[in-house]
Amino acid sequence: MTRILYFGMLAERTGAAQETLDTTPTTVAALRDALLLRHPSLQELSFRFAVDQQLADEDTTIAPGAEVALLPPFAGG
């Protein structure tokens, strides 16, 4: 099981702050595709992924039990 966390406008669009998905080892790219099918309202938004609190790129492997956060763009500095 992988815990998915949504922040800001992503939580608003999905209607949830978090959910749990049954995943086998996968990549960020594959999870992104699955989440866009599950939550079509995310398709028009840009966001980044963090896996176990580390920013991740498209080919980062996500093992079962990982925590994955979807992060909206942040303003300020």
PDB file of N, CA and C in Angstrom:
ATOM      1  N   MET A   1       0.842  -1.178   0.000  1.00  0.00           N
ATOM      2  CA  MET A   1       0.000   0.000   0.000  1.00  0.00           C
ATOM      3  C   MET A   1       0.887   1.240   0.000  1.00  0.00           C
ATOM      4  N   THR A   2       0.488   2.208  -0.793  1.00  0.00           N
ATOM      5  CA  THR A   2       1.204   3.470  -0.883  1.00  0.00           C
ATOM      6  C   THR A   2       0.277   4.583  -0.419  1.00  0.00           C
ATOM      7  N   ARG A   3       0.770   5.408   0.475  1.00  0.00           N
ATOM      8  CA  ARG A   3      -0.018   6.532   0.975  1.00  0.00           C
ATOM      9  C   ARG A   3       0.257   7.738   0.092  1.00  0.00           C
ATOM     10  N   ILE A   4      -0.812   8.306  -0.462  1.00  0.00           N
ATOM     11  CA  ILE A   4      -0.724   9.464  -1.334  1.00  0.00           C
ATOM     12  C   ILE A   4      -1.246  10.675  -0.554  1.00  0.00           C
ATOM     13  N   LEU A   5      -0.448  11.736  -0.487  1.00  0.00           N
ATOM     14  CA  LEU A   5      -0.833  12.957   0.207  1.00  0.00           C
ATOM     15  C   LEU A   5      -1.040  14.067  -0.814  1.00  0.00           C
ATOM     16  N   TYR A   6      -2.126  14.810  -0.675  1.00  0.00           N
ATOM     17  CA  TYR A   6      -2.436  15.928  -1.559  1.00  0.00           C
ATOM     18  C   TYR A   6      -2.395  17.222  -0.761  1.00  0.00           C
ATOM     19  N   PHE A   7      -1.800  18.265  -1.326  1.00  0.00           N
ATOM     20  CA  PHE A   7      -1.689  19.539  -0.639  1.00  0.00           C
ATOM     21  C   PHE A   7      -2.303  20.655  -1.472  1.00  0.00           C
ATOM     22  N   GLY A   8      -2.775  21.691  -0.774  1.00  0.00           N
ATOM     23  CA  GLY A   8      -3.291  22.884  -1.436  1.00  0.00           C
ATOM     24  C   GLY A   8      -4.400  22.590  -2.421  1.00  0.00           C
ATOM     25  N   MET A   9      -4.267  23.186  -3.613  1.00  0.00           N
ATOM     26  CA  MET A   9      -5.307  23.045  -4.629  1.00  0.00           C
ATOM     27  C   MET A   9      -5.467  21.599  -5.099  1.00  0.00           C
ATOM     28  N   LEU A  10      -4.447  20.782  -4.922  1.00  0.00           N
ATOM     29  CA  LEU A  10      -4.555  19.367  -5.313  1.00  0.00           C
ATOM     30  C   LEU A  10      -5.531  18.643  -4.390  1.00  0.00           C
ATOM     31  N   ALA A  11      -5.488  18.960  -3.107  1.00  0.00           N
ATOM     32  CA  ALA A  11      -6.450  18.376  -2.163  1.00  0.00           C
ATOM     33  C   ALA A  11      -7.863  18.859  -2.487  1.00  0.00           C
ATOM     34  N   GLU A  12      -7.981  20.123  -2.855  1.00  0.00           N
ATOM     35  CA  GLU A  12      -9.296  20.654  -3.217  1.00  0.00           C
ATOM     36  C   GLU A  12      -9.854  19.934  -4.443  1.00  0.00           C
ATOM     37  N   ARG A  13      -9.013  19.713  -5.442  1.00  0.00           N
ATOM     38  CA  ARG A  13      -9.476  19.078  -6.689  1.00  0.00           C
ATOM     39  C   ARG A  13      -9.832  17.612  -6.493  1.00  0.00           C
ATOM     40  N   THR A  14      -9.097  16.900  -5.636  1.00  0.00           N
ATOM     41  CA  THR A  14      -9.385  15.475  -5.432  1.00  0.00           C
ATOM     42  C   THR A  14     -10.454  15.258  -4.368  1.00  0.00           C
ATOM     43  N   GLY A  15     -10.686  16.279  -3.542  1.00  0.00           N
ATOM     44  CA  GLY A  15     -11.649  16.139  -2.457  1.00  0.00           C
ATOM     45  C   GLY A  15     -11.106  15.345  -1.285  1.00  0.00           C
ATOM     46  N   ALA A  16      -9.778  15.176  -1.233  1.00  0.00           N
ATOM     47  CA  ALA A  16      -9.168  14.401  -0.152  1.00  0.00           C
ATOM     48  C   ALA A  16      -7.773  14.937   0.136  1.00  0.00           C
ATOM     49  N   ALA A  17      -7.382  14.875   1.400  1.00  0.00           N
ATOM     50  CA  ALA A  17      -6.025  15.258   1.780  1.00  0.00           C
ATOM     51  C   ALA A  17      -5.075  14.084   1.596  1.00  0.00           C
ATOM     52  N   GLN A  18      -5.641  12.871   1.602  1.00  0.00           N
ATOM     53  CA  GLN A  18      -4.822  11.683   1.403  1.00  0.00           C
ATOM     54  C   GLN A  18      -5.679  10.510   0.980  1.00  0.00           C
ATOM     55  N   GLU A  19      -5.024   9.527   0.406  1.00  0.00           N
ATOM     56  CA  GLU A  19      -5.674   8.257   0.089  1.00  0.00           C
ATOM     57  C   GLU A  19      -4.599   7.191   0.059  1.00  0.00           C
ATOM     58  N   THR A  20      -5.015   5.951   0.121  1.00  0.00           N
ATOM     59  CA  THR A  20      -4.096   4.829   0.074  1.00  0.00           C
ATOM     60  C   THR A  20      -4.399   4.012  -1.164  1.00  0.00           C
ATOM     61  N   LEU A  21      -3.346   3.707  -1.923  1.00  0.00           N
ATOM     62  CA  LEU A  21      -3.501   2.904  -3.133  1.00  0.00           C
ATOM     63  C   LEU A  21      -2.692   1.629  -3.007  1.00  0.00           C
ATOM     64  N   ASP A  22      -3.219   0.567  -3.549  1.00  0.00           N
ATOM     65  CA  ASP A  22      -2.496  -0.701  -3.586  1.00  0.00           C
ATOM     66  C   ASP A  22      -1.597  -0.667  -4.816  1.00  0.00           C
ATOM     67  N   THR A  23      -0.305  -0.518  -4.608  1.00  0.00           N
ATOM     68  CA  THR A  23       0.635  -0.439  -5.724  1.00  0.00           C
ATOM     69  C   THR A  23       1.721  -1.484  -5.578  1.00  0.00           C
ATOM     70  N   THR A  24       2.186  -1.949  -6.697  1.00  0.00           N
ATOM     71  CA  THR A  24       3.394  -2.761  -6.724  1.00  0.00           C
ATOM     72  C   THR A  24       4.531  -1.790  -6.987  1.00  0.00           C
ATOM     73  N   PRO A  25       5.780  -2.210  -6.932  1.00  0.00           N
ATOM     74  CA  PRO A  25       6.828  -1.247  -7.269  1.00  0.00           C
ATOM     75  C   PRO A  25       6.526  -0.615  -8.626  1.00  0.00           C
ATOM     76  N   THR A  26       6.559   0.676  -8.666  1.00  0.00           N
ATOM     77  CA  THR A  26       6.211   1.418  -9.863  1.00  0.00           C
ATOM     78  C   THR A  26       7.092   2.658  -9.938  1.00  0.00           C
ATOM     79  N   THR A  27       6.866   3.479 -10.916  1.00  0.00           N
ATOM     80  CA  THR A  27       7.615   4.723 -11.035  1.00  0.00           C
ATOM     81  C   THR A  27       6.680   5.908 -10.827  1.00  0.00           C
ATOM     82  N   VAL A  28       7.273   7.059 -10.632  1.00  0.00           N
ATOM     83  CA  VAL A  28       6.489   8.282 -10.504  1.00  0.00           C
ATOM     84  C   VAL A  28       5.662   8.512 -11.766  1.00  0.00           C
ATOM     85  N   ALA A  29       6.250   8.276 -12.935  1.00  0.00           N
ATOM     86  CA  ALA A  29       5.524   8.476 -14.194  1.00  0.00           C
ATOM     87  C   ALA A  29       4.292   7.584 -14.271  1.00  0.00           C
ATOM     88  N   ALA A  30       4.423   6.323 -13.886  1.00  0.00           N
ATOM     89  CA  ALA A  30       3.291   5.397 -13.930  1.00  0.00           C
ATOM     90  C   ALA A  30       2.228   5.793 -12.908  1.00  0.00           C
ATOM     91  N   LEU A  31       2.669   6.227 -11.733  1.00  0.00           N
ATOM     92  CA  LEU A  31       1.710   6.666 -10.719  1.00  0.00           C
ATOM     93  C   LEU A  31       1.001   7.938 -11.174  1.00  0.00           C
ATOM     94  N   ARG A  32       1.731   8.856 -11.789  1.00  0.00           N
ATOM     95  CA  ARG A  32       1.108  10.080 -12.312  1.00  0.00           C
ATOM     96  C   ARG A  32      -0.004   9.723 -13.294  1.00  0.00           C
ATOM     97  N   ASP A  33       0.282   8.823 -14.228  1.00  0.00           N
ATOM     98  CA  ASP A  33      -0.732   8.417 -15.208  1.00  0.00           C
ATOM     99  C   ASP A  33      -1.955   7.824 -14.518  1.00  0.00           C
ATOM    100  N   ALA A  34      -1.730   6.974 -13.523  1.00  0.00           N
ATOM    101  CA  ALA A  34      -2.845   6.345 -12.800  1.00  0.00           C
ATOM    102  C   ALA A  34      -3.663   7.382 -12.042  1.00  0.00           C
ATOM    103  N   LEU A  35      -2.986   8.339 -11.420  1.00  0.00           N
ATOM    104  CA  LEU A  35      -3.708   9.365 -10.662  1.00  0.00           C
ATOM    105  C   LEU A  35      -4.486  10.308 -11.570  1.00  0.00           C
ATOM    106  N   LEU A  36      -3.960  10.584 -12.755  1.00  0.00           N
ATOM    107  CA  LEU A  36      -4.694  11.448 -13.688  1.00  0.00           C
ATOM    108  C   LEU A  36      -5.948  10.756 -14.210  1.00  0.00           C
ATOM    109  N   LEU A  37      -5.900   9.437 -14.334  1.00  0.00           N
ATOM    110  CA  LEU A  37      -7.107   8.687 -14.715  1.00  0.00           C
ATOM    111  C   LEU A  37      -8.106   8.672 -13.558  1.00  0.00           C
ATOM    112  N   ARG A  38      -7.592   8.524 -12.351  1.00  0.00           N
ATOM    113  CA  ARG A  38      -8.444   8.448 -11.158  1.00  0.00           C
ATOM    114  C   ARG A  38      -9.049   9.810 -10.817  1.00  0.00           C
ATOM    115  N   HIS A  39      -8.271  10.872 -11.035  1.00  0.00           N
ATOM    116  CA  HIS A  39      -8.699  12.240 -10.707  1.00  0.00           C
ATOM    117  C   HIS A  39      -8.475  13.133 -11.932  1.00  0.00           C
ATOM    118  N   PRO A  40      -9.356  13.084 -12.922  1.00  0.00           N
ATOM    119  CA  PRO A  40      -9.170  13.882 -14.143  1.00  0.00           C
ATOM    120  C   PRO A  40      -9.019  15.383 -13.892  1.00  0.00           C
ATOM    121  N   SER A  41      -9.521  15.869 -12.773  1.00  0.00           N
ATOM    122  CA  SER A  41      -9.423  17.307 -12.479  1.00  0.00           C
ATOM    123  C   SER A  41      -7.981  17.748 -12.236  1.00  0.00           C
ATOM    124  N   LEU A  42      -7.069  16.802 -12.044  1.00  0.00           N
ATOM    125  CA  LEU A  42      -5.656  17.147 -11.857  1.00  0.00           C
ATOM    126  C   LEU A  42      -4.937  17.411 -13.177  1.00  0.00           C
ATOM    127  N   GLN A  43      -5.534  17.015 -14.291  1.00  0.00           N
ATOM    128  CA  GLN A  43      -4.856  17.084 -15.576  1.00  0.00           C
ATOM    129  C   GLN A  43      -4.414  18.488 -15.964  1.00  0.00           C
ATOM    130  N   GLU A  44      -5.150  19.495 -15.562  1.00  0.00           N
ATOM    131  CA  GLU A  44      -4.808  20.857 -15.976  1.00  0.00           C
ATOM    132  C   GLU A  44      -3.878  21.562 -14.995  1.00  0.00           C
ATOM    133  N   LEU A  45      -3.446  20.874 -13.941  1.00  0.00           N
ATOM    134  CA  LEU A  45      -2.592  21.482 -12.927  1.00  0.00           C
ATOM    135  C   LEU A  45      -1.156  20.983 -13.052  1.00  0.00           C
ATOM    136  N   SER A  46      -0.222  21.828 -12.652  1.00  0.00           N
ATOM    137  CA  SER A  46       1.163  21.372 -12.580  1.00  0.00           C
ATOM    138  C   SER A  46       1.479  21.076 -11.118  1.00  0.00           C
ATOM    139  N   PHE A  47       2.254  20.037 -10.900  1.00  0.00           N
ATOM    140  CA  PHE A  47       2.628  19.659  -9.543  1.00  0.00           C
ATOM    141  C   PHE A  47       3.870  18.779  -9.594  1.00  0.00           C
ATOM    142  N   ARG A  48       4.528  18.677  -8.455  1.00  0.00           N
ATOM    143  CA  ARG A  48       5.722  17.838  -8.308  1.00  0.00           C
ATOM    144  C   ARG A  48       5.398  16.676  -7.381  1.00  0.00           C
ATOM    145  N   PHE A  49       6.238  15.667  -7.430  1.00  0.00           N
ATOM    146  CA  PHE A  49       6.104  14.520  -6.550  1.00  0.00           C
ATOM    147  C   PHE A  49       7.268  14.484  -5.564  1.00  0.00           C
ATOM    148  N   ALA A  50       6.975  14.081  -4.349  1.00  0.00           N
ATOM    149  CA  ALA A  50       8.007  13.764  -3.368  1.00  0.00           C
ATOM    150  C   ALA A  50       7.731  12.341  -2.899  1.00  0.00           C
ATOM    151  N   VAL A  51       8.766  11.523  -2.874  1.00  0.00           N
ATOM    152  CA  VAL A  51       8.650  10.141  -2.407  1.00  0.00           C
ATOM    153  C   VAL A  51       9.445  10.036  -1.113  1.00  0.00           C
ATOM    154  N   ASP A  52       8.758   9.652  -0.048  1.00  0.00           N
ATOM    155  CA  ASP A  52       9.377   9.579   1.273  1.00  0.00           C
ATOM    156  C   ASP A  52      10.144  10.860   1.591  1.00  0.00           C
ATOM    157  N   GLN A  53       9.493  11.992   1.358  1.00  0.00           N
ATOM    158  CA  GLN A  53       9.946  13.335   1.688  1.00  0.00           C
ATOM    159  C   GLN A  53      11.161  13.812   0.877  1.00  0.00           C
ATOM    160  N   GLN A  54      11.386  13.189  -0.285  1.00  0.00           N
ATOM    161  CA  GLN A  54      12.453  13.620  -1.189  1.00  0.00           C
ATOM    162  C   GLN A  54      11.835  13.933  -2.549  1.00  0.00           C
ATOM    163  N   LEU A  55      12.136  15.112  -3.109  1.00  0.00           N
ATOM    164  CA  LEU A  55      11.615  15.418  -4.441  1.00  0.00           C
ATOM    165  C   LEU A  55      12.044  14.325  -5.407  1.00  0.00           C
ATOM    166  N   ALA A  56      11.125  13.943  -6.282  1.00  0.00           N
ATOM    167  CA  ALA A  56      11.360  12.803  -7.170  1.00  0.00           C
ATOM    168  C   ALA A  56      11.129  13.204  -8.616  1.00  0.00           C
ATOM    169  N   ASP A  57      11.851  12.529  -9.523  1.00  0.00           N
ATOM    170  CA  ASP A  57      11.615  12.755 -10.946  1.00  0.00           C
ATOM    171  C   ASP A  57      10.795  11.602 -11.505  1.00  0.00           C
ATOM    172  N   GLU A  58      10.482  11.672 -12.782  1.00  0.00           N
ATOM    173  CA  GLU A  58       9.567  10.725 -13.427  1.00  0.00           C
ATOM    174  C   GLU A  58       9.998   9.257 -13.317  1.00  0.00           C
ATOM    175  N   ASP A  59      11.293   8.982 -13.287  1.00  0.00           N
ATOM    176  CA  ASP A  59      11.729   7.586 -13.264  1.00  0.00           C
ATOM    177  C   ASP A  59      12.105   7.079 -11.869  1.00  0.00           C
ATOM    178  N   THR A  60      11.787   7.849 -10.824  1.00  0.00           N
ATOM    179  CA  THR A  60      12.010   7.395  -9.452  1.00  0.00           C
ATOM    180  C   THR A  60      11.098   6.208  -9.162  1.00  0.00           C
ATOM    181  N   THR A  61      11.658   5.151  -8.583  1.00  0.00           N
ATOM    182  CA  THR A  61      10.882   3.971  -8.218  1.00  0.00           C
ATOM    183  C   THR A  61      10.139   4.219  -6.907  1.00  0.00           C
ATOM    184  N   ILE A  62       8.893   3.782  -6.874  1.00  0.00           N
ATOM    185  CA  ILE A  62       8.062   3.885  -5.671  1.00  0.00           C
ATOM    186  C   ILE A  62       7.797   2.465  -5.180  1.00  0.00           C
ATOM    187  N   ALA A  63       8.336   2.141  -4.041  1.00  0.00           N
ATOM    188  CA  ALA A  63       8.143   0.812  -3.460  1.00  0.00           C
ATOM    189  C   ALA A  63       6.853   0.781  -2.647  1.00  0.00           C
ATOM    190  N   PRO A  64       6.240  -0.407  -2.498  1.00  0.00           N
ATOM    191  CA  PRO A  64       5.066  -0.500  -1.631  1.00  0.00           C
ATOM    192  C   PRO A  64       5.419   0.008  -0.227  1.00  0.00           C
ATOM    193  N   GLY A  65       4.496   0.707   0.383  1.00  0.00           N
ATOM    194  CA  GLY A  65       4.719   1.256   1.710  1.00  0.00           C
ATOM    195  C   GLY A  65       5.292   2.656   1.694  1.00  0.00           C
ATOM    196  N   ALA A  66       5.609   3.166   0.527  1.00  0.00           N
ATOM    197  CA  ALA A  66       6.160   4.518   0.424  1.00  0.00           C
ATOM    198  C   ALA A  66       5.081   5.552   0.685  1.00  0.00           C
ATOM    199  N   GLU A  67       5.520   6.741   1.057  1.00  0.00           N
ATOM    200  CA  GLU A  67       4.633   7.886   1.182  1.00  0.00           C
ATOM    201  C   GLU A  67       4.941   8.811   0.012  1.00  0.00           C
ATOM    202  N   VAL A  68       3.913   9.128  -0.770  1.00  0.00           N
ATOM    203  CA  VAL A  68       4.081   9.972  -1.946  1.00  0.00           C
ATOM    204  C   VAL A  68       3.253  11.231  -1.751  1.00  0.00           C
ATOM    205  N   ALA A  69       3.905  12.386  -1.871  1.00  0.00           N
ATOM    206  CA  ALA A  69       3.203  13.657  -1.740  1.00  0.00           C
ATOM    207  C   ALA A  69       3.134  14.331  -3.101  1.00  0.00           C
ATOM    208  N   LEU A  70       1.971  14.867  -3.427  1.00  0.00           N
ATOM    209  CA  LEU A  70       1.802  15.688  -4.628  1.00  0.00           C
ATOM    210  C   LEU A  70       1.842  17.133  -4.176  1.00  0.00           C
ATOM    211  N   LEU A  71       2.797  17.871  -4.714  1.00  0.00           N
ATOM    212  CA  LEU A  71       3.065  19.224  -4.252  1.00  0.00           C
ATOM    213  C   LEU A  71       2.706  20.242  -5.330  1.00  0.00           C
ATOM    214  N   PRO A  72       1.817  21.174  -5.017  1.00  0.00           N
ATOM    215  CA  PRO A  72       1.495  22.226  -5.989  1.00  0.00           C
ATOM    216  C   PRO A  72       2.655  23.210  -6.054  1.00  0.00           C
ATOM    217  N   PRO A  73       2.655  24.089  -7.056  1.00  0.00           N
ATOM    218  CA  PRO A  73       3.704  25.111  -7.116  1.00  0.00           C
ATOM    219  C   PRO A  73       3.624  26.010  -5.868  1.00  0.00           C
ATOM    220  N   PHE A  74       4.771  26.412  -5.389  1.00  0.00           N
ATOM    221  CA  PHE A  74       4.824  27.287  -4.230  1.00  0.00           C
ATOM    222  C   PHE A  74       5.283  28.671  -4.668  1.00  0.00           C
ATOM    223  N   ALA A  75       4.694  29.698  -4.105  1.00  0.00           N
ATOM    224  CA  ALA A  75       5.096  31.072  -4.405  1.00  0.00           C
ATOM    225  C   ALA A  75       5.912  31.612  -3.229  1.00  0.00           C
ATOM    226  N   GLY A  76       6.647  32.645  -3.485  1.00  0.00           N
ATOM    227  CA  GLY A  76       7.428  33.264  -2.418  1.00  0.00           C
ATOM    228  C   GLY A  76       8.819  32.693  -2.345  1.00  0.00           C
ATOM    229  N   GLY A  77       9.509  33.003  -1.290  1.00  0.00           N
ATOM    230  CA  GLY A  77      10.864  32.489  -1.169  1.00  0.00           C
ATOM    231  C   GLY A  77      11.454  32.755   0.164  1.00  0.00           C
TER     232      GLY A  77
END
